[in-house]
Amino acid sequence: MQLSGFPYLVLSVLLVLMAGGAAASEPCTPFEGGRVDAKLLAEMREAATEGRLYRILPGNSRVGFCVRHFPRQEFRGEFTNIVGGLSLPPAVGSPGRALLLIHTTSMESSNPDLDSLVQGHGFMDIEHYPEILFEGREFHWHNPIHAYIYGDLTLHGVKQPVAFDIEVDVLDSGQDGRPEQIYIRGTGQVDRVEFDMRSHRFMVSQTVRLCLSIELERWEQ
C-alpha cells in the first residue's frame, strides 16, 4: 500500500528505539543511564504522548545479514530479538534520527554448523558484545515511500558509518489520518574488517550485506 494517507511530514521521519513488548509502561526504558542522549529519550516520550510513536512488532520483524564464504557459498543469519519504533516528527523539516538495538544471541542462520564460528571471538564475539546499536543521523527522502538513512553502527565494540536504503508502506490507516500499522524494509552493507573482525580474510568476504524487515504498530499509552 502506498503512503497516500501520510502527510508529507513523513519526509523527516524519525526511527527510534523504545522498550520492546506490550507490557512496557513507557518507551525507551532500555536506553536510560547514558546509553542514548537524554534529549532524544525525552523527544520520543513526548511523541508517545502525542500519538506520533510506533513500536516494532517483534514476532513480525527481522534484521538479517549475508556474507560469502569459500567455496562460493553464502551464510545468512537473522536476529529476531530487536526493539525499535518509528516516530513522526511534529513539523516538516525536523531532523531525522534513528536508533535500533539488536540482541545478537537471538541469531538464527541458514547453516547452524557455522553458528559457533560466526558468533565466536574471531567474528561477532557475542559473549563480549551481546548487542548491536544503530544510530541514524540523517534521512534523505527520494519520494514519500523511499529514503536513505545515514548513521553509525556499533558492532563488535567499534562504531562506523553506515547507510540503509529503505521503503515504507502503510498497512493500516487510522481515523485521524495517521497510520495504525507500518512496514519498513531496507538494505545496507558494511566492511567487517572496519569493525575489527579480521579472521579468515581469505575464506570469508569482507563485505557483509544487511537487511531490515520491520513491522510497527502505533504506541498506545
C-alpha atoms as a PDB file:
ATOM      1  CA  MET A   1       0.000   0.000   0.000  1.00  0.00           C
ATOM      2  CA  GLN A   2       1.367   3.428  -0.909  1.00  0.00           C
ATOM      3  CA  LEU A   3       1.667   6.231   1.608  1.00  0.00           C
ATOM      4  CA  SER A   4      -1.414   8.069   0.376  1.00  0.00           C
ATOM      5  CA  GLY A   5      -2.565   8.553   3.967  1.00  0.00           C
ATOM      6  CA  PHE A   6       0.748  10.030   5.122  1.00  0.00           C
ATOM      7  CA  PRO A   7       1.142  13.760   5.366  1.00  0.00           C
ATOM      8  CA  TYR A   8       4.293  14.904   3.580  1.00  0.00           C
ATOM      9  CA  LEU A   9       5.578  15.257   7.094  1.00  0.00           C
ATOM     10  CA  VAL A  10       6.985  11.796   6.548  1.00  0.00           C
ATOM     11  CA  LEU A  11       9.910  13.352   4.695  1.00  0.00           C
ATOM     12  CA  SER A  12      11.618  13.867   8.033  1.00  0.00           C
ATOM     13  CA  VAL A  13      10.525  10.625   9.618  1.00  0.00           C
ATOM     14  CA  LEU A  14      12.263   9.626  12.868  1.00  0.00           C
ATOM     15  CA  LEU A  15      13.082   5.984  13.551  1.00  0.00           C
ATOM     16  CA  VAL A  16      13.575   5.412  17.279  1.00  0.00           C
ATOM     17  CA  LEU A  17      14.028   2.685  19.791  1.00  0.00           C
ATOM     18  CA  MET A  18      11.731   2.020  22.651  1.00  0.00           C
ATOM     19  CA  ALA A  19      11.077  -0.701  25.108  1.00  0.00           C
ATOM     20  CA  GLY A  20      10.019  -3.961  23.486  1.00  0.00           C
ATOM     21  CA  GLY A  21       6.917  -5.899  24.424  1.00  0.00           C
ATOM     22  CA  ALA A  22       3.336  -4.911  25.048  1.00  0.00           C
ATOM     23  CA  ALA A  23       3.874  -4.836  28.804  1.00  0.00           C
ATOM     24  CA  ALA A  24       6.340  -1.932  28.723  1.00  0.00           C
ATOM     25  CA  SER A  25       4.926   1.084  30.569  1.00  0.00           C
ATOM     26  CA  GLU A  26       6.849   3.747  28.655  1.00  0.00           C
ATOM     27  CA  PRO A  27       9.109   3.853  25.609  1.00  0.00           C
ATOM     28  CA  CYS A  28      12.925   3.987  25.602  1.00  0.00           C
ATOM     29  CA  THR A  29      13.443   2.467  29.048  1.00  0.00           C
ATOM     30  CA  PRO A  30      16.373   0.239  27.896  1.00  0.00           C
ATOM     31  CA  PHE A  31      18.287   3.343  26.788  1.00  0.00           C
ATOM     32  CA  GLU A  32      18.398   5.252  30.037  1.00  0.00           C
ATOM     33  CA  GLY A  33      21.594   5.650  32.051  1.00  0.00           C
ATOM     34  CA  GLY A  34      23.647   7.401  29.369  1.00  0.00           C
ATOM     35  CA  ARG A  35      23.399   4.868  26.558  1.00  0.00           C
ATOM     36  CA  VAL A  36      21.295   7.263  24.472  1.00  0.00           C
ATOM     37  CA  ASP A  37      21.161  11.052  24.676  1.00  0.00           C
ATOM     38  CA  ALA A  38      18.623  12.142  27.310  1.00  0.00           C
ATOM     39  CA  LYS A  39      17.178  14.802  24.983  1.00  0.00           C
ATOM     40  CA  LEU A  40      16.366  12.144  22.398  1.00  0.00           C
ATOM     41  CA  LEU A  41      14.634   9.994  25.012  1.00  0.00           C
ATOM     42  CA  ALA A  42      12.541  12.980  26.090  1.00  0.00           C
ATOM     43  CA  GLU A  43      11.545  13.687  22.480  1.00  0.00           C
ATOM     44  CA  MET A  44      10.473  10.080  21.972  1.00  0.00           C
ATOM     45  CA  ARG A  45       8.351  10.076  25.096  1.00  0.00           C
ATOM     46  CA  GLU A  46       6.775  13.345  24.024  1.00  0.00           C
ATOM     47  CA  ALA A  47       5.958  11.744  20.662  1.00  0.00           C
ATOM     48  CA  ALA A  48       4.279   8.876  22.513  1.00  0.00           C
ATOM     49  CA  THR A  49       2.016  11.252  24.436  1.00  0.00           C
ATOM     50  CA  GLU A  50       1.055  12.965  21.165  1.00  0.00           C
ATOM     51  CA  GLY A  51       0.261   9.736  19.301  1.00  0.00           C
ATOM     52  CA  ARG A  52       3.233  10.005  16.932  1.00  0.00           C
ATOM     53  CA  LEU A  53       5.181   6.956  18.116  1.00  0.00           C
ATOM     54  CA  TYR A  54       5.077   3.443  16.619  1.00  0.00           C
ATOM     55  CA  ARG A  55       6.654   0.310  18.034  1.00  0.00           C
ATOM     56  CA  ILE A  56       8.117  -2.804  16.470  1.00  0.00           C
ATOM     57  CA  LEU A  57       6.084  -5.983  16.494  1.00  0.00           C
ATOM     58  CA  PRO A  58       8.845  -8.437  17.487  1.00  0.00           C
ATOM     59  CA  GLY A  59       7.242 -11.574  16.030  1.00  0.00           C
ATOM     60  CA  ASN A  60       6.885  -9.918  12.622  1.00  0.00           C
ATOM     61  CA  SER A  61      10.292  -8.205  12.466  1.00  0.00           C
ATOM     62  CA  ARG A  62      13.792  -9.333  11.489  1.00  0.00           C
ATOM     63  CA  VAL A  63      17.243  -7.823  10.972  1.00  0.00           C
ATOM     64  CA  GLY A  64      19.374 -10.045   8.745  1.00  0.00           C
ATOM     65  CA  PHE A  65      22.842 -10.298   7.234  1.00  0.00           C
ATOM     66  CA  CYS A  66      24.538 -12.254   4.439  1.00  0.00           C
ATOM     67  CA  VAL A  67      28.246 -12.981   3.887  1.00  0.00           C
ATOM     68  CA  ARG A  68      30.015 -15.022   1.206  1.00  0.00           C
ATOM     69  CA  HIS A  69      32.447 -17.781   2.164  1.00  0.00           C
ATOM     70  CA  PHE A  70      34.551 -20.429   0.439  1.00  0.00           C
ATOM     71  CA  PRO A  71      33.718 -22.225  -1.803  1.00  0.00           C
ATOM     72  CA  ARG A  72      31.166 -19.811  -3.299  1.00  0.00           C
ATOM     73  CA  GLN A  73      28.685 -20.309  -0.502  1.00  0.00           C
ATOM     74  CA  GLU A  74      26.605 -17.756   1.396  1.00  0.00           C
ATOM     75  CA  PHE A  75      25.944 -17.654   5.120  1.00  0.00           C
ATOM     76  CA  ARG A  76      22.642 -15.994   6.032  1.00  0.00           C
ATOM     77  CA  GLY A  77      21.686 -15.009   9.549  1.00  0.00           C
ATOM     78  CA  GLU A  78      18.739 -13.246  11.172  1.00  0.00           C
ATOM     79  CA  PHE A  79      18.277 -11.574  14.547  1.00  0.00           C
ATOM     80  CA  THR A  80      14.798 -11.871  15.996  1.00  0.00           C
ATOM     81  CA  ASN A  81      15.226 -10.104  19.356  1.00  0.00           C
ATOM     82  CA  ILE A  82      15.121  -6.453  18.356  1.00  0.00           C
ATOM     83  CA  VAL A  83      13.444  -3.368  19.786  1.00  0.00           C
ATOM     84  CA  GLY A  84      12.540  -0.239  17.916  1.00  0.00           C
ATOM     85  CA  GLY A  85       9.885   2.048  16.632  1.00  0.00           C
ATOM     86  CA  LEU A  86       9.047   4.993  14.457  1.00  0.00           C
ATOM     87  CA  SER A  87       8.035   8.489  15.473  1.00  0.00           C
ATOM     88  CA  LEU A  88       6.584  11.045  13.108  1.00  0.00           C
ATOM     89  CA  PRO A  89       8.108  14.485  13.745  1.00  0.00           C
ATOM     90  CA  PRO A  90       5.832  17.301  14.920  1.00  0.00           C
ATOM     91  CA  ALA A  91       6.651  19.537  11.935  1.00  0.00           C
ATOM     92  CA  VAL A  92       8.046  19.432   8.414  1.00  0.00           C
ATOM     93  CA  GLY A  93      11.824  19.959   8.439  1.00  0.00           C
ATOM     94  CA  SER A  94      12.525  18.378  11.815  1.00  0.00           C
ATOM     95  CA  PRO A  95      15.827  16.481  11.727  1.00  0.00           C
ATOM     96  CA  GLY A  96      15.679  12.728  11.187  1.00  0.00           C
ATOM     97  CA  ARG A  97      17.197  10.437  13.780  1.00  0.00           C
ATOM     98  CA  ALA A  98      17.340   6.642  14.110  1.00  0.00           C
ATOM     99  CA  LEU A  99      18.078   4.116  16.832  1.00  0.00           C
ATOM    100  CA  LEU A 100      17.925   0.350  16.565  1.00  0.00           C
ATOM    101  CA  LEU A 101      19.073  -2.233  19.123  1.00  0.00           C
ATOM    102  CA  ILE A 102      19.678  -5.888  18.233  1.00  0.00           C
ATOM    103  CA  HIS A 103      20.402  -8.701  20.709  1.00  0.00           C
ATOM    104  CA  THR A 104      22.993 -10.903  18.998  1.00  0.00           C
ATOM    105  CA  THR A 105      22.177 -14.052  20.990  1.00  0.00           C
ATOM    106  CA  SER A 106      18.886 -14.288  19.060  1.00  0.00           C
ATOM    107  CA  MET A 107      20.657 -15.194  15.802  1.00  0.00           C
ATOM    108  CA  GLU A 108      19.125 -17.852  13.534  1.00  0.00           C
ATOM    109  CA  SER A 109      21.049 -18.973  10.463  1.00  0.00           C
ATOM    110  CA  SER A 110      20.982 -20.911   7.198  1.00  0.00           C
ATOM    111  CA  ASN A 111      23.871 -23.122   8.371  1.00  0.00           C
ATOM    112  CA  PRO A 112      23.816 -23.996  12.104  1.00  0.00           C
ATOM    113  CA  ASP A 113      27.167 -25.803  11.718  1.00  0.00           C
ATOM    114  CA  LEU A 114      28.818 -22.393  11.278  1.00  0.00           C
ATOM    115  CA  ASP A 115      26.937 -20.601  14.072  1.00  0.00           C
ATOM    116  CA  SER A 116      29.673 -21.067  16.658  1.00  0.00           C
ATOM    117  CA  LEU A 117      32.274 -19.681  14.237  1.00  0.00           C
ATOM    118  CA  VAL A 118      30.200 -16.594  13.360  1.00  0.00           C
ATOM    119  CA  GLN A 119      29.237 -15.933  16.991  1.00  0.00           C
ATOM    120  CA  GLY A 120      32.723 -16.663  18.332  1.00  0.00           C
ATOM    121  CA  HIS A 121      35.679 -14.466  19.249  1.00  0.00           C
ATOM    122  CA  GLY A 122      37.014 -14.135  15.689  1.00  0.00           C
ATOM    123  CA  PHE A 123      33.825 -12.575  14.342  1.00  0.00           C
ATOM    124  CA  MET A 124      30.841 -11.255  16.336  1.00  0.00           C
ATOM    125  CA  ASP A 125      32.113 -12.321  19.773  1.00  0.00           C
ATOM    126  CA  ILE A 126      28.613 -12.277  21.275  1.00  0.00           C
ATOM    127  CA  GLU A 127      29.953 -13.167  24.720  1.00  0.00           C
ATOM    128  CA  HIS A 128      31.608  -9.746  24.995  1.00  0.00           C
ATOM    129  CA  TYR A 129      29.369  -7.821  22.557  1.00  0.00           C
ATOM    130  CA  PRO A 130      25.777  -9.030  23.051  1.00  0.00           C
ATOM    131  CA  GLU A 131      24.198  -6.014  21.318  1.00  0.00           C
ATOM    132  CA  ILE A 132      24.379  -4.124  18.031  1.00  0.00           C
ATOM    133  CA  LEU A 133      23.313  -0.467  18.024  1.00  0.00           C
ATOM    134  CA  PHE A 134      22.427   1.716  15.031  1.00  0.00           C
ATOM    135  CA  GLU A 135      22.120   5.493  15.471  1.00  0.00           C
ATOM    136  CA  GLY A 136      20.723   7.325  12.453  1.00  0.00           C
ATOM    137  CA  ARG A 137      21.748  10.929  11.775  1.00  0.00           C
ATOM    138  CA  GLU A 138      20.011  11.980   8.550  1.00  0.00           C
ATOM    139  CA  PHE A 139      17.038  10.969   6.418  1.00  0.00           C
ATOM    140  CA  HIS A 140      17.223  11.742   2.688  1.00  0.00           C
ATOM    141  CA  TRP A 141      13.865  11.084   1.033  1.00  0.00           C
ATOM    142  CA  HIS A 142      13.554  10.471  -2.723  1.00  0.00           C
ATOM    143  CA  ASN A 143       9.763  10.274  -2.557  1.00  0.00           C
ATOM    144  CA  PRO A 144       7.165   9.684   0.206  1.00  0.00           C
ATOM    145  CA  ILE A 145       7.964   5.954   0.432  1.00  0.00           C
ATOM    146  CA  HIS A 146      11.703   5.703  -0.420  1.00  0.00           C
ATOM    147  CA  ALA A 147      14.594   7.097   1.621  1.00  0.00           C
ATOM    148  CA  TYR A 148      18.185   6.656   2.772  1.00  0.00           C
ATOM    149  CA  ILE A 149      19.033   6.701   6.469  1.00  0.00           C
ATOM    150  CA  TYR A 150      22.629   7.684   7.281  1.00  0.00           C
ATOM    151  CA  GLY A 151      24.097   6.973  10.683  1.00  0.00           C
ATOM    152  CA  ASP A 152      26.519   4.982  12.833  1.00  0.00           C
ATOM    153  CA  LEU A 153      26.563   1.265  13.565  1.00  0.00           C
ATOM    154  CA  THR A 154      28.238  -0.021  16.737  1.00  0.00           C
ATOM    155  CA  LEU A 155      29.247  -3.645  16.203  1.00  0.00           C
ATOM    156  CA  HIS A 156      31.938  -5.716  17.912  1.00  0.00           C
ATOM    157  CA  GLY A 157      32.718  -2.664  20.053  1.00  0.00           C
ATOM    158  CA  VAL A 158      33.509  -0.454  17.029  1.00  0.00           C
ATOM    159  CA  LYS A 159      31.418   2.416  15.654  1.00  0.00           C
ATOM    160  CA  GLN A 160      31.421   3.053  11.889  1.00  0.00           C
ATOM    161  CA  PRO A 161      29.178   4.982   9.458  1.00  0.00           C
ATOM    162  CA  VAL A 162      26.554   3.039   7.512  1.00  0.00           C
ATOM    163  CA  ALA A 163      23.512   3.809   5.365  1.00  0.00           C
ATOM    164  CA  PHE A 164      20.228   1.959   4.834  1.00  0.00           C
ATOM    165  CA  ASP A 165      18.133   2.195   1.693  1.00  0.00           C
ATOM    166  CA  ILE A 166      14.541   1.844   2.933  1.00  0.00           C
ATOM    167  CA  GLU A 167      10.953   1.727   1.693  1.00  0.00           C
ATOM    168  CA  VAL A 168       7.939   2.378   3.908  1.00  0.00           C
ATOM    169  CA  ASP A 169       4.407   1.042   3.467  1.00  0.00           C
ATOM    170  CA  VAL A 170       1.259   1.783   5.440  1.00  0.00           C
ATOM    171  CA  LEU A 171      -0.511  -1.450   6.380  1.00  0.00           C
ATOM    172  CA  ASP A 172      -3.487   0.120   8.144  1.00  0.00           C
ATOM    173  CA  SER A 173      -4.639   3.744   8.365  1.00  0.00           C
ATOM    174  CA  GLY A 174      -6.304   5.274  11.419  1.00  0.00           C
ATOM    175  CA  GLN A 175      -9.339   7.520  11.518  1.00  0.00           C
ATOM    176  CA  ASP A 176      -7.181  10.534  12.414  1.00  0.00           C
ATOM    177  CA  GLY A 177      -5.153  10.237   9.177  1.00  0.00           C
ATOM    178  CA  ARG A 178      -2.125   8.658  10.820  1.00  0.00           C
ATOM    179  CA  PRO A 179      -1.219   5.029  10.122  1.00  0.00           C
ATOM    180  CA  GLU A 180      -2.035   2.360  12.689  1.00  0.00           C
ATOM    181  CA  GLN A 181       0.487  -0.132  11.273  1.00  0.00           C
ATOM    182  CA  ILE A 182       3.644   0.465   9.203  1.00  0.00           C
ATOM    183  CA  TYR A 183       6.084  -1.853   7.432  1.00  0.00           C
ATOM    184  CA  ILE A 184       9.724  -0.935   6.713  1.00  0.00           C
ATOM    185  CA  ARG A 185      12.083  -2.928   4.523  1.00  0.00           C
ATOM    186  CA  GLY A 186      15.628  -1.899   3.725  1.00  0.00           C
ATOM    187  CA  THR A 187      19.180  -2.904   2.831  1.00  0.00           C
ATOM    188  CA  GLY A 188      22.718  -1.770   3.582  1.00  0.00           C
ATOM    189  CA  GLN A 189      26.251  -3.114   3.717  1.00  0.00           C
ATOM    190  CA  VAL A 190      29.392  -2.877   5.842  1.00  0.00           C
ATOM    191  CA  ASP A 191      33.034  -3.937   5.666  1.00  0.00           C
ATOM    192  CA  ARG A 192      33.603  -6.364   8.571  1.00  0.00           C
ATOM    193  CA  VAL A 193      37.325  -5.527   8.736  1.00  0.00           C
ATOM    194  CA  GLU A 194      36.412  -1.956   9.694  1.00  0.00           C
ATOM    195  CA  PHE A 195      34.693  -3.462  12.743  1.00  0.00           C
ATOM    196  CA  ASP A 196      37.874  -5.334  13.698  1.00  0.00           C
ATOM    197  CA  MET A 197      36.529  -8.709  12.525  1.00  0.00           C
ATOM    198  CA  ARG A 198      39.608  -9.865  10.642  1.00  0.00           C
ATOM    199  CA  SER A 199      39.584 -13.657  10.964  1.00  0.00           C
ATOM    200  CA  HIS A 200      39.609 -15.898   7.858  1.00  0.00           C
ATOM    201  CA  ARG A 201      40.049 -12.983   5.458  1.00  0.00           C
ATOM    202  CA  PHE A 202      40.877 -15.333   2.565  1.00  0.00           C
ATOM    203  CA  MET A 203      37.921 -17.623   3.297  1.00  0.00           C
ATOM    204  CA  VAL A 204      35.149 -15.135   4.113  1.00  0.00           C
ATOM    205  CA  SER A 205      34.277 -11.956   2.216  1.00  0.00           C
ATOM    206  CA  GLN A 206      34.864  -8.582   3.819  1.00  0.00           C
ATOM    207  CA  THR A 207      31.515  -7.214   2.645  1.00  0.00           C
ATOM    208  CA  VAL A 208      28.500  -8.056   4.784  1.00  0.00           C
ATOM    209  CA  ARG A 209      25.054  -7.274   3.387  1.00  0.00           C
ATOM    210  CA  LEU A 210      22.389  -6.113   5.854  1.00  0.00           C
ATOM    211  CA  CYS A 211      18.609  -6.231   5.518  1.00  0.00           C
ATOM    212  CA  LEU A 212      15.679  -4.926   7.535  1.00  0.00           C
ATOM    213  CA  SER A 213      12.132  -6.289   7.650  1.00  0.00           C
ATOM    214  CA  ILE A 214      10.233  -4.446  10.382  1.00  0.00           C
ATOM    215  CA  GLU A 215       6.540  -4.165  11.149  1.00  0.00           C
ATOM    216  CA  LEU A 216       5.327  -1.494  13.566  1.00  0.00           C
ATOM    217  CA  GLU A 217       2.120  -0.537  15.311  1.00  0.00           C
ATOM    218  CA  ARG A 218       1.051   2.691  16.939  1.00  0.00           C
ATOM    219  CA  TRP A 219       2.106   3.073  20.552  1.00  0.00           C
ATOM    220  CA  GLU A 220      -0.828   3.182  22.950  1.00  0.00           C
ATOM    221  CA  GLN A 221      -0.310   4.849  26.320  1.00  0.00           C
END
